[in-house]
Amino acid sequence: MKKLLIVFGGPDGAGKTTLSILLSIYFRRKKMKVKIVRIRGTHTLAYIFMTFLKKVTSSAGDDLHYYRFRIPEKARSLWVLIELVSIILLIFLYYYVYRVIYDVVISERGPLDFAVWVLTGVKPKPTSLSTKIFLVLVQTFILYFKTIYIVANKEKLLKRKQEETTLITAMYSLYNLLASLLSLPRIDTTHLHPLQTLNRVLETLRS
């Protein structure tokens, strides 16, 4: 039996969670073992470092979005690499180890969401070596794992996720830019029923 890895990316409110649940039901009805995973940012090592620094320093701020953590200016290049190592650990676990255990792994969020999280949260210098390494590797992950871009227009996203207004506003343009530059398959859910979105995804997987 062929093992499937399905990776989504896109802003909050686009419908990735609902879509992942519908897909899991679809495959479970086919007697397949399914696991839903999520990757965005500040996981594993990055989360441990952040938690430690919040306890021992005055680090309150807006850098890492809802974590309310301020990254010192001189540490931004290093922090990008810490985030990168952290996601590599998760990619190995979720996209390789879990595919041995499960027939289908659905990544509700993936490397695209990670890239947008770091670029809008850490705000690394574009010219630094760490940023260049980050961009090359993350682009490779996004394309290698065949990310499907799930999106809706900004007004619809803000209506669906009113509690995430700040996050959506900060990330929306960058999501669209990266998806366009990388020519990702795109599904716009603005006017779609969740079941219609499911059918579009299944068509994309077959193509």
C-alpha atoms as a PDB file:
ATOM      1  CA  MET A   1       0.000   0.000   0.000  1.00  0.00           C
ATOM      2  CA  LYS A   2       1.368   3.396  -1.023  1.00  0.00           C
ATOM      3  CA  LYS A   3       2.120   5.744   1.880  1.00  0.00           C
ATOM      4  CA  LEU A   4       0.740   9.255   1.467  1.00  0.00           C
ATOM      5  CA  LEU A   5       2.050  12.554   2.787  1.00  0.00           C
ATOM      6  CA  ILE A   6      -0.240  15.539   2.201  1.00  0.00           C
ATOM      7  CA  VAL A   7       1.144  18.955   3.140  1.00  0.00           C
ATOM      8  CA  PHE A   8      -0.939  22.106   3.324  1.00  0.00           C
ATOM      9  CA  GLY A   9       0.071  25.700   3.897  1.00  0.00           C
ATOM     10  CA  GLY A  10      -1.822  28.958   4.113  1.00  0.00           C
ATOM     11  CA  PRO A  11      -3.106  31.702   6.396  1.00  0.00           C
ATOM     12  CA  ASP A  12      -5.363  31.213   9.408  1.00  0.00           C
ATOM     13  CA  GLY A  13      -9.008  30.933   8.403  1.00  0.00           C
ATOM     14  CA  ALA A  14      -8.357  29.400   4.988  1.00  0.00           C
ATOM     15  CA  GLY A  15      -9.904  26.088   6.034  1.00  0.00           C
ATOM     16  CA  LYS A  16      -6.873  23.842   6.530  1.00  0.00           C
ATOM     17  CA  THR A  17      -8.120  22.336   9.809  1.00  0.00           C
ATOM     18  CA  THR A  18     -11.569  21.479   8.448  1.00  0.00           C
ATOM     19  CA  LEU A  19     -10.016  20.132   5.262  1.00  0.00           C
ATOM     20  CA  SER A  20      -7.580  17.942   7.197  1.00  0.00           C
ATOM     21  CA  ILE A  21     -10.433  16.468   9.256  1.00  0.00           C
ATOM     22  CA  LEU A  22     -12.481  15.743   6.114  1.00  0.00           C
ATOM     23  CA  LEU A  23      -9.481  14.093   4.473  1.00  0.00           C
ATOM     24  CA  SER A  24      -8.856  11.957   7.543  1.00  0.00           C
ATOM     25  CA  ILE A  25     -12.493  10.758   7.435  1.00  0.00           C
ATOM     26  CA  TYR A  26     -12.183  10.039   3.705  1.00  0.00           C
ATOM     27  CA  PHE A  27      -9.083   7.884   4.112  1.00  0.00           C
ATOM     28  CA  ARG A  28     -10.258   6.156   7.289  1.00  0.00           C
ATOM     29  CA  ARG A  29     -13.333   5.003   5.418  1.00  0.00           C
ATOM     30  CA  LYS A  30     -10.873   3.286   3.106  1.00  0.00           C
ATOM     31  CA  LYS A  31      -9.477   1.446   6.145  1.00  0.00           C
ATOM     32  CA  MET A  32      -6.272   3.502   6.161  1.00  0.00           C
ATOM     33  CA  LYS A  33      -4.441   4.666   9.276  1.00  0.00           C
ATOM     34  CA  VAL A  34      -4.292   8.464   9.338  1.00  0.00           C
ATOM     35  CA  LYS A  35      -2.293  10.959  11.396  1.00  0.00           C
ATOM     36  CA  ILE A  36      -2.778  14.745  11.361  1.00  0.00           C
ATOM     37  CA  VAL A  37       0.284  16.836  12.277  1.00  0.00           C
ATOM     38  CA  ARG A  38       1.052  20.556  12.392  1.00  0.00           C
ATOM     39  CA  ILE A  39       4.230  22.541  11.817  1.00  0.00           C
ATOM     40  CA  ARG A  40       4.509  26.308  12.067  1.00  0.00           C
ATOM     41  CA  GLY A  41       7.280  27.766  14.195  1.00  0.00           C
ATOM     42  CA  THR A  42       9.061  28.005  17.528  1.00  0.00           C
ATOM     43  CA  HIS A  43       8.938  24.270  18.183  1.00  0.00           C
ATOM     44  CA  THR A  44      11.242  21.900  20.103  1.00  0.00           C
ATOM     45  CA  LEU A  45      14.647  23.589  20.613  1.00  0.00           C
ATOM     46  CA  ALA A  46      13.367  27.071  19.761  1.00  0.00           C
ATOM     47  CA  TYR A  47      10.494  26.709  22.228  1.00  0.00           C
ATOM     48  CA  ILE A  48      12.837  25.483  24.995  1.00  0.00           C
ATOM     49  CA  PHE A  49      15.229  28.412  24.433  1.00  0.00           C
ATOM     50  CA  MET A  50      12.355  30.891  24.334  1.00  0.00           C
ATOM     51  CA  THR A  51      10.834  29.556  27.564  1.00  0.00           C
ATOM     52  CA  PHE A  52      14.200  29.748  29.322  1.00  0.00           C
ATOM     53  CA  LEU A  53      14.931  33.300  28.143  1.00  0.00           C
ATOM     54  CA  LYS A  54      11.471  34.510  29.145  1.00  0.00           C
ATOM     55  CA  LYS A  55      12.168  33.315  32.685  1.00  0.00           C
ATOM     56  CA  VAL A  56      15.659  34.798  33.075  1.00  0.00           C
ATOM     57  CA  THR A  57      15.441  38.018  31.037  1.00  0.00           C
ATOM     58  CA  SER A  58      13.112  40.883  30.304  1.00  0.00           C
ATOM     59  CA  SER A  59      11.967  39.659  26.915  1.00  0.00           C
ATOM     60  CA  ALA A  60       8.323  40.642  26.529  1.00  0.00           C
ATOM     61  CA  GLY A  61       7.504  41.921  23.053  1.00  0.00           C
ATOM     62  CA  ASP A  62       5.711  41.226  19.793  1.00  0.00           C
ATOM     63  CA  ASP A  63       8.376  39.450  17.748  1.00  0.00           C
ATOM     64  CA  LEU A  64       7.113  35.860  17.920  1.00  0.00           C
ATOM     65  CA  HIS A  65       3.480  36.759  17.497  1.00  0.00           C
ATOM     66  CA  TYR A  66       1.248  35.296  20.224  1.00  0.00           C
ATOM     67  CA  TYR A  67       4.226  34.011  22.247  1.00  0.00           C
ATOM     68  CA  ARG A  68       4.891  37.663  23.163  1.00  0.00           C
ATOM     69  CA  PHE A  69       8.645  37.132  23.048  1.00  0.00           C
ATOM     70  CA  ARG A  70      11.173  39.784  22.040  1.00  0.00           C
ATOM     71  CA  ILE A  71      14.286  38.500  20.277  1.00  0.00           C
ATOM     72  CA  PRO A  72      17.388  40.638  20.939  1.00  0.00           C
ATOM     73  CA  GLU A  73      18.578  42.334  17.764  1.00  0.00           C
ATOM     74  CA  LYS A  74      22.009  40.701  17.920  1.00  0.00           C
ATOM     75  CA  ALA A  75      20.468  37.248  18.316  1.00  0.00           C
ATOM     76  CA  ARG A  76      18.183  37.299  15.263  1.00  0.00           C
ATOM     77  CA  SER A  77      20.606  35.530  12.927  1.00  0.00           C
ATOM     78  CA  LEU A  78      21.234  32.827  15.509  1.00  0.00           C
ATOM     79  CA  TRP A  79      17.520  32.509  16.226  1.00  0.00           C
ATOM     80  CA  VAL A  80      16.778  31.778  12.554  1.00  0.00           C
ATOM     81  CA  LEU A  81      19.183  28.827  12.714  1.00  0.00           C
ATOM     82  CA  ILE A  82      17.657  27.597  15.991  1.00  0.00           C
ATOM     83  CA  GLU A  83      14.212  27.679  14.365  1.00  0.00           C
ATOM     84  CA  LEU A  84      15.606  25.842  11.335  1.00  0.00           C
ATOM     85  CA  VAL A  85      17.131  23.039  13.410  1.00  0.00           C
ATOM     86  CA  SER A  86      13.869  22.769  15.337  1.00  0.00           C
ATOM     87  CA  ILE A  87      11.751  22.232  12.218  1.00  0.00           C
ATOM     88  CA  ILE A  88      14.205  19.716  10.774  1.00  0.00           C
ATOM     89  CA  LEU A  89      13.663  17.573  13.867  1.00  0.00           C
ATOM     90  CA  LEU A  90       9.894  17.756  13.379  1.00  0.00           C
ATOM     91  CA  ILE A  91      10.092  17.069   9.648  1.00  0.00           C
ATOM     92  CA  PHE A  92      12.086  13.909  10.343  1.00  0.00           C
ATOM     93  CA  LEU A  93       9.546  12.738  12.932  1.00  0.00           C
ATOM     94  CA  TYR A  94       6.336  13.730  11.157  1.00  0.00           C
ATOM     95  CA  TYR A  95       7.223  13.228   7.491  1.00  0.00           C
ATOM     96  CA  TYR A  96       9.443  10.156   7.759  1.00  0.00           C
ATOM     97  CA  VAL A  97       8.966   8.249  11.025  1.00  0.00           C
ATOM     98  CA  TYR A  98       5.166   8.678  11.044  1.00  0.00           C
ATOM     99  CA  ARG A  99       4.942   7.477   7.434  1.00  0.00           C
ATOM    100  CA  VAL A 100       6.320   4.139   8.592  1.00  0.00           C
ATOM    101  CA  ILE A 101       3.538   3.890  11.203  1.00  0.00           C
ATOM    102  CA  TYR A 102       0.606   5.443   9.300  1.00  0.00           C
ATOM    103  CA  ASP A 103      -0.787   4.995   5.790  1.00  0.00           C
ATOM    104  CA  VAL A 104      -1.577   8.704   5.440  1.00  0.00           C
ATOM    105  CA  VAL A 105       0.074  11.656   7.169  1.00  0.00           C
ATOM    106  CA  ILE A 106      -1.746  14.978   6.736  1.00  0.00           C
ATOM    107  CA  SER A 107       0.287  18.058   7.620  1.00  0.00           C
ATOM    108  CA  GLU A 108      -2.346  20.686   8.379  1.00  0.00           C
ATOM    109  CA  ARG A 109       0.460  23.250   8.441  1.00  0.00           C
ATOM    110  CA  GLY A 110       3.893  22.769   6.951  1.00  0.00           C
ATOM    111  CA  PRO A 111       7.148  24.389   5.828  1.00  0.00           C
ATOM    112  CA  LEU A 112       5.351  27.271   4.094  1.00  0.00           C
ATOM    113  CA  ASP A 113       3.692  28.264   7.378  1.00  0.00           C
ATOM    114  CA  PHE A 114       7.040  27.905   9.125  1.00  0.00           C
ATOM    115  CA  ALA A 115       8.717  30.238   6.623  1.00  0.00           C
ATOM    116  CA  VAL A 116       6.044  32.911   7.033  1.00  0.00           C
ATOM    117  CA  TRP A 117       6.074  32.558  10.837  1.00  0.00           C
ATOM    118  CA  VAL A 118       9.838  33.095  11.053  1.00  0.00           C
ATOM    119  CA  LEU A 119      10.097  35.870   8.453  1.00  0.00           C
ATOM    120  CA  THR A 120       7.264  37.907  10.026  1.00  0.00           C
ATOM    121  CA  GLY A 121       8.172  37.072  13.634  1.00  0.00           C
ATOM    122  CA  VAL A 122      11.963  36.959  13.835  1.00  0.00           C
ATOM    123  CA  LYS A 123      12.383  39.553  11.060  1.00  0.00           C
ATOM    124  CA  PRO A 124      15.940  38.470  10.183  1.00  0.00           C
ATOM    125  CA  LYS A 125      18.225  40.637   8.076  1.00  0.00           C
ATOM    126  CA  PRO A 126      17.719  39.652   4.396  1.00  0.00           C
ATOM    127  CA  THR A 127      21.447  39.892   3.661  1.00  0.00           C
ATOM    128  CA  SER A 128      22.711  37.722   6.521  1.00  0.00           C
ATOM    129  CA  LEU A 129      24.193  34.289   5.797  1.00  0.00           C
ATOM    130  CA  SER A 130      21.775  32.594   8.199  1.00  0.00           C
ATOM    131  CA  THR A 131      18.784  34.116   6.376  1.00  0.00           C
ATOM    132  CA  LYS A 132      20.106  32.945   3.007  1.00  0.00           C
ATOM    133  CA  ILE A 133      20.616  29.405   4.353  1.00  0.00           C
ATOM    134  CA  PHE A 134      17.134  29.536   5.875  1.00  0.00           C
ATOM    135  CA  LEU A 135      15.494  30.625   2.622  1.00  0.00           C
ATOM    136  CA  VAL A 136      17.249  27.994   0.506  1.00  0.00           C
ATOM    137  CA  LEU A 137      16.420  25.120   2.844  1.00  0.00           C
ATOM    138  CA  VAL A 138      12.833  26.157   3.504  1.00  0.00           C
ATOM    139  CA  GLN A 139      12.176  26.613  -0.210  1.00  0.00           C
ATOM    140  CA  THR A 140      13.540  23.104  -0.742  1.00  0.00           C
ATOM    141  CA  PHE A 141      11.226  21.704   1.947  1.00  0.00           C
ATOM    142  CA  ILE A 142       8.164  23.513   0.545  1.00  0.00           C
ATOM    143  CA  LEU A 143       8.739  22.177  -2.960  1.00  0.00           C
ATOM    144  CA  TYR A 144      10.044  18.719  -2.053  1.00  0.00           C
ATOM    145  CA  PHE A 145       6.997  17.908   0.065  1.00  0.00           C
ATOM    146  CA  LYS A 146       4.630  19.279  -2.614  1.00  0.00           C
ATOM    147  CA  THR A 147       2.863  21.856  -0.489  1.00  0.00           C
ATOM    148  CA  ILE A 148      -0.708  22.710  -1.487  1.00  0.00           C
ATOM    149  CA  TYR A 149      -1.562  26.350  -0.835  1.00  0.00           C
ATOM    150  CA  ILE A 150      -4.975  26.829   0.815  1.00  0.00           C
ATOM    151  CA  VAL A 151      -6.144  30.442   0.859  1.00  0.00           C
ATOM    152  CA  ALA A 152      -9.163  32.759   0.796  1.00  0.00           C
ATOM    153  CA  ASN A 153      -9.476  36.475   0.261  1.00  0.00           C
ATOM    154  CA  LYS A 154      -8.403  38.609   3.195  1.00  0.00           C
ATOM    155  CA  GLU A 155     -11.903  39.803   4.049  1.00  0.00           C
ATOM    156  CA  LYS A 156     -13.167  36.240   4.321  1.00  0.00           C
ATOM    157  CA  LEU A 157     -10.195  35.184   6.467  1.00  0.00           C
ATOM    158  CA  LEU A 158     -10.764  38.060   8.882  1.00  0.00           C
ATOM    159  CA  LYS A 159     -14.456  37.189   9.105  1.00  0.00           C
ATOM    160  CA  ARG A 160     -13.723  33.509   9.785  1.00  0.00           C
ATOM    161  CA  LYS A 161     -10.961  34.155  12.324  1.00  0.00           C
ATOM    162  CA  GLN A 162     -11.772  37.424  14.078  1.00  0.00           C
ATOM    163  CA  GLU A 163      -9.507  36.515  16.996  1.00  0.00           C
ATOM    164  CA  GLU A 164      -6.518  36.237  14.629  1.00  0.00           C
ATOM    165  CA  THR A 165      -6.808  39.648  12.941  1.00  0.00           C
ATOM    166  CA  THR A 166      -3.266  40.736  13.824  1.00  0.00           C
ATOM    167  CA  LEU A 167      -1.693  37.467  12.684  1.00  0.00           C
ATOM    168  CA  ILE A 168      -3.597  37.332   9.393  1.00  0.00           C
ATOM    169  CA  THR A 169      -2.805  40.960   8.602  1.00  0.00           C
ATOM    170  CA  ALA A 170       0.903  40.452   9.285  1.00  0.00           C
ATOM    171  CA  MET A 171       1.212  37.261   7.243  1.00  0.00           C
ATOM    172  CA  TYR A 172      -1.269  37.448   4.367  1.00  0.00           C
ATOM    173  CA  SER A 173       0.833  39.283   1.773  1.00  0.00           C
ATOM    174  CA  LEU A 174       3.919  37.157   2.427  1.00  0.00           C
ATOM    175  CA  TYR A 175       1.913  33.941   2.054  1.00  0.00           C
ATOM    176  CA  ASN A 176       0.674  35.070  -1.348  1.00  0.00           C
ATOM    177  CA  LEU A 177       4.116  36.227  -2.433  1.00  0.00           C
ATOM    178  CA  LEU A 178       5.854  32.956  -1.529  1.00  0.00           C
ATOM    179  CA  ALA A 179       3.090  30.809  -3.023  1.00  0.00           C
ATOM    180  CA  SER A 180       3.323  32.791  -6.257  1.00  0.00           C
ATOM    181  CA  LEU A 181       7.131  32.741  -6.451  1.00  0.00           C
ATOM    182  CA  LEU A 182       7.202  28.973  -5.868  1.00  0.00           C
ATOM    183  CA  SER A 183       4.238  28.290  -8.207  1.00  0.00           C
ATOM    184  CA  LEU A 184       2.427  26.225  -5.579  1.00  0.00           C
ATOM    185  CA  PRO A 185      -0.879  24.528  -6.445  1.00  0.00           C
ATOM    186  CA  ARG A 186      -3.506  26.906  -5.095  1.00  0.00           C
ATOM    187  CA  ILE A 187      -7.027  26.283  -3.818  1.00  0.00           C
ATOM    188  CA  ASP A 188      -9.071  29.383  -3.002  1.00  0.00           C
ATOM    189  CA  THR A 189     -11.794  28.548  -0.463  1.00  0.00           C
ATOM    190  CA  THR A 190     -13.467  31.970  -0.476  1.00  0.00           C
ATOM    191  CA  HIS A 191     -16.617  30.716  -2.186  1.00  0.00           C
ATOM    192  CA  LEU A 192     -16.226  26.963  -1.685  1.00  0.00           C
ATOM    193  CA  HIS A 193     -18.111  24.629   0.613  1.00  0.00           C
ATOM    194  CA  PRO A 194     -15.699  22.423   2.625  1.00  0.00           C
ATOM    195  CA  LEU A 195     -16.749  19.357   0.605  1.00  0.00           C
ATOM    196  CA  GLN A 196     -15.981  21.222  -2.617  1.00  0.00           C
ATOM    197  CA  THR A 197     -12.562  22.056  -1.231  1.00  0.00           C
ATOM    198  CA  LEU A 198     -12.053  18.385  -0.374  1.00  0.00           C
ATOM    199  CA  ASN A 199     -12.849  17.401  -3.961  1.00  0.00           C
ATOM    200  CA  ARG A 200     -10.393  20.004  -5.280  1.00  0.00           C
ATOM    201  CA  VAL A 201      -7.647  18.582  -3.051  1.00  0.00           C
ATOM    202  CA  LEU A 202      -8.366  15.014  -4.170  1.00  0.00           C
ATOM    203  CA  GLU A 203      -8.182  16.179  -7.808  1.00  0.00           C
ATOM    204  CA  THR A 204      -4.847  17.875  -7.079  1.00  0.00           C
ATOM    205  CA  LEU A 205      -3.476  14.703  -5.477  1.00  0.00           C
ATOM    206  CA  ARG A 206      -4.470  12.641  -8.508  1.00  0.00           C
ATOM    207  CA  SER A 207      -2.841  15.017 -10.977  1.00  0.00           C
END
